[in-house]
Amino acid sequence: MEFLAIIFVLIMVIVFLGLLAVGQIKMAGMKVTDFWTFIKANDTLDKLYVFSVKYDNLTPQQQIVFLKEAEKVFSAFDKVPDALWEEEYQKYSEILSKYKDIKMMRWEAK
């Protein structure tokens, strides 16, 4: 019986912490879905950063994939306050620079 009481208390604590997190997100003026998208975009940002540093010359298909993924990241980062991602600013600016370079190369090629 004590075991069930401990499990119940732990479940209640988890629910309370979840509701507290949702409340904090709402108080910051964001939607929970926007915050979740930002979390996923942060992971994508790390992958794009490694990719942009590693590869200088991309095939046209790789350029298209890079541009689409970068646009998703930019969109997600625009929906959250800057204070949340100021630590990632250097990576963001590197991706933005590579994005602009690829856009210019593709525009010149047309």
C-alpha atoms as a PDB file:
ATOM      1  CA  MET A   1       0.000   0.000   0.000  1.00  0.00           C
ATOM      2  CA  GLU A   2       2.874   2.376   0.785  1.00  0.00           C
ATOM      3  CA  PHE A   3       4.299   1.652  -2.651  1.00  0.00           C
ATOM      4  CA  LEU A   4       1.094   2.798  -4.348  1.00  0.00           C
ATOM      5  CA  ALA A   5       1.039   5.952  -2.234  1.00  0.00           C
ATOM      6  CA  ILE A   6       4.614   6.774  -3.274  1.00  0.00           C
ATOM      7  CA  ILE A   7       3.781   6.156  -6.941  1.00  0.00           C
ATOM      8  CA  PHE A   8       0.687   8.381  -6.650  1.00  0.00           C
ATOM      9  CA  VAL A   9       2.709  11.195  -5.055  1.00  0.00           C
ATOM     10  CA  LEU A  10       5.389  10.924  -7.748  1.00  0.00           C
ATOM     11  CA  ILE A  11       2.770  11.052 -10.497  1.00  0.00           C
ATOM     12  CA  MET A  12       1.177  14.115  -8.889  1.00  0.00           C
ATOM     13  CA  VAL A  13       4.585  15.842  -8.689  1.00  0.00           C
ATOM     14  CA  ILE A  14       5.237  15.100 -12.368  1.00  0.00           C
ATOM     15  CA  VAL A  15       1.824  16.458 -13.369  1.00  0.00           C
ATOM     16  CA  PHE A  16       2.374  19.558 -11.239  1.00  0.00           C
ATOM     17  CA  LEU A  17       5.792  20.192 -12.809  1.00  0.00           C
ATOM     18  CA  GLY A  18       4.320  19.745 -16.281  1.00  0.00           C
ATOM     19  CA  LEU A  19       1.542  22.229 -15.563  1.00  0.00           C
ATOM     20  CA  LEU A  20       4.082  24.629 -14.072  1.00  0.00           C
ATOM     21  CA  ALA A  21       6.218  24.397 -17.227  1.00  0.00           C
ATOM     22  CA  VAL A  22       3.192  25.043 -19.452  1.00  0.00           C
ATOM     23  CA  GLY A  23       2.253  28.016 -17.273  1.00  0.00           C
ATOM     24  CA  GLN A  24       5.746  29.470 -17.543  1.00  0.00           C
ATOM     25  CA  ILE A  25       5.682  29.091 -21.332  1.00  0.00           C
ATOM     26  CA  LYS A  26       2.282  30.805 -21.511  1.00  0.00           C
ATOM     27  CA  MET A  27       3.459  33.621 -19.194  1.00  0.00           C
ATOM     28  CA  ALA A  28       6.398  34.217 -21.532  1.00  0.00           C
ATOM     29  CA  GLY A  29       3.847  34.918 -24.279  1.00  0.00           C
ATOM     30  CA  MET A  30       4.481  31.790 -26.315  1.00  0.00           C
ATOM     31  CA  LYS A  31       2.368  28.903 -27.435  1.00  0.00           C
ATOM     32  CA  VAL A  32       3.405  25.474 -26.206  1.00  0.00           C
ATOM     33  CA  THR A  33       3.546  24.219 -29.800  1.00  0.00           C
ATOM     34  CA  ASP A  34       5.882  27.080 -30.749  1.00  0.00           C
ATOM     35  CA  PHE A  35       8.138  26.203 -27.832  1.00  0.00           C
ATOM     36  CA  TRP A  36       8.171  22.532 -28.806  1.00  0.00           C
ATOM     37  CA  THR A  37       8.977  23.481 -32.403  1.00  0.00           C
ATOM     38  CA  PHE A  38      11.827  25.624 -31.070  1.00  0.00           C
ATOM     39  CA  ILE A  39      13.203  22.664 -29.115  1.00  0.00           C
ATOM     40  CA  LYS A  40      13.222  20.515 -32.257  1.00  0.00           C
ATOM     41  CA  ALA A  41      14.659  23.375 -34.340  1.00  0.00           C
ATOM     42  CA  ASN A  42      17.481  23.783 -31.842  1.00  0.00           C
ATOM     43  CA  ASP A  43      18.534  20.195 -32.554  1.00  0.00           C
ATOM     44  CA  THR A  44      18.290  20.851 -36.289  1.00  0.00           C
ATOM     45  CA  LEU A  45      20.362  24.016 -35.831  1.00  0.00           C
ATOM     46  CA  ASP A  46      23.176  21.973 -34.330  1.00  0.00           C
ATOM     47  CA  LYS A  47      23.085  19.525 -37.230  1.00  0.00           C
ATOM     48  CA  LEU A  48      23.000  22.300 -39.835  1.00  0.00           C
ATOM     49  CA  TYR A  49      25.893  24.043 -38.111  1.00  0.00           C
ATOM     50  CA  VAL A  50      28.069  20.942 -38.282  1.00  0.00           C
ATOM     51  CA  PHE A  51      27.009  20.426 -41.885  1.00  0.00           C
ATOM     52  CA  SER A  52      27.749  24.029 -42.890  1.00  0.00           C
ATOM     53  CA  VAL A  53      31.187  23.979 -41.277  1.00  0.00           C
ATOM     54  CA  LYS A  54      32.098  20.621 -42.783  1.00  0.00           C
ATOM     55  CA  TYR A  55      31.017  21.153 -46.384  1.00  0.00           C
ATOM     56  CA  ASP A  56      31.945  24.115 -48.547  1.00  0.00           C
ATOM     57  CA  ASN A  57      30.687  22.885 -51.906  1.00  0.00           C
ATOM     58  CA  LEU A  58      27.209  21.396 -51.882  1.00  0.00           C
ATOM     59  CA  THR A  59      25.412  19.676 -54.708  1.00  0.00           C
ATOM     60  CA  PRO A  60      22.201  21.358 -55.898  1.00  0.00           C
ATOM     61  CA  GLN A  61      20.115  18.764 -54.047  1.00  0.00           C
ATOM     62  CA  GLN A  62      22.064  19.324 -50.829  1.00  0.00           C
ATOM     63  CA  GLN A  63      21.610  23.078 -51.258  1.00  0.00           C
ATOM     64  CA  ILE A  64      17.845  22.697 -51.540  1.00  0.00           C
ATOM     65  CA  VAL A  65      17.678  20.494 -48.455  1.00  0.00           C
ATOM     66  CA  PHE A  66      19.905  22.900 -46.528  1.00  0.00           C
ATOM     67  CA  LEU A  67      17.771  25.901 -47.537  1.00  0.00           C
ATOM     68  CA  LYS A  68      14.494  24.207 -46.548  1.00  0.00           C
ATOM     69  CA  GLU A  69      15.826  23.049 -43.183  1.00  0.00           C
ATOM     70  CA  ALA A  70      17.363  26.466 -42.482  1.00  0.00           C
ATOM     71  CA  GLU A  71      14.036  28.161 -43.248  1.00  0.00           C
ATOM     72  CA  LYS A  72      12.288  25.866 -40.755  1.00  0.00           C
ATOM     73  CA  VAL A  73      14.883  26.772 -38.116  1.00  0.00           C
ATOM     74  CA  PHE A  74      14.559  30.493 -38.822  1.00  0.00           C
ATOM     75  CA  SER A  75      10.774  30.279 -38.578  1.00  0.00           C
ATOM     76  CA  ALA A  76      10.901  28.429 -35.250  1.00  0.00           C
ATOM     77  CA  PHE A  77      13.473  30.807 -33.775  1.00  0.00           C
ATOM     78  CA  ASP A  78      11.403  33.838 -34.813  1.00  0.00           C
ATOM     79  CA  LYS A  79       8.469  32.621 -32.697  1.00  0.00           C
ATOM     80  CA  VAL A  80      10.327  32.590 -29.366  1.00  0.00           C
ATOM     81  CA  PRO A  81      11.950  35.428 -27.411  1.00  0.00           C
ATOM     82  CA  ASP A  82      15.573  36.176 -28.252  1.00  0.00           C
ATOM     83  CA  ALA A  83      16.632  35.551 -24.655  1.00  0.00           C
ATOM     84  CA  LEU A  84      15.925  31.829 -25.095  1.00  0.00           C
ATOM     85  CA  TRP A  85      18.423  31.378 -27.879  1.00  0.00           C
ATOM     86  CA  GLU A  86      21.097  33.999 -27.259  1.00  0.00           C
ATOM     87  CA  GLU A  87      23.557  31.192 -26.465  1.00  0.00           C
ATOM     88  CA  GLU A  88      22.960  29.758 -29.929  1.00  0.00           C
ATOM     89  CA  TYR A  89      23.379  33.106 -31.718  1.00  0.00           C
ATOM     90  CA  GLN A  90      26.801  32.259 -33.173  1.00  0.00           C
ATOM     91  CA  LYS A  91      25.489  29.038 -34.733  1.00  0.00           C
ATOM     92  CA  TYR A  92      22.379  30.857 -35.947  1.00  0.00           C
ATOM     93  CA  SER A  93      24.462  33.562 -37.630  1.00  0.00           C
ATOM     94  CA  GLU A  94      26.728  30.947 -39.267  1.00  0.00           C
ATOM     95  CA  ILE A  95      23.692  29.153 -40.675  1.00  0.00           C
ATOM     96  CA  LEU A  96      22.209  32.460 -41.817  1.00  0.00           C
ATOM     97  CA  SER A  97      25.463  33.380 -43.556  1.00  0.00           C
ATOM     98  CA  LYS A  98      25.638  30.013 -45.334  1.00  0.00           C
ATOM     99  CA  TYR A  99      21.948  30.376 -46.239  1.00  0.00           C
ATOM    100  CA  LYS A 100      22.573  33.774 -47.813  1.00  0.00           C
ATOM    101  CA  ASP A 101      25.619  32.466 -49.702  1.00  0.00           C
ATOM    102  CA  ILE A 102      23.674  29.559 -51.161  1.00  0.00           C
ATOM    103  CA  LYS A 103      20.764  31.840 -52.103  1.00  0.00           C
ATOM    104  CA  MET A 104      23.167  34.188 -53.897  1.00  0.00           C
ATOM    105  CA  MET A 105      24.901  31.318 -55.739  1.00  0.00           C
ATOM    106  CA  ARG A 106      21.573  29.905 -56.846  1.00  0.00           C
ATOM    107  CA  TRP A 107      20.321  33.336 -57.902  1.00  0.00           C
ATOM    108  CA  GLU A 108      23.486  34.023 -59.937  1.00  0.00           C
ATOM    109  CA  ALA A 109      23.240  30.624 -61.620  1.00  0.00           C
ATOM    110  CA  LYS A 110      19.758  31.391 -62.973  1.00  0.00           C
END
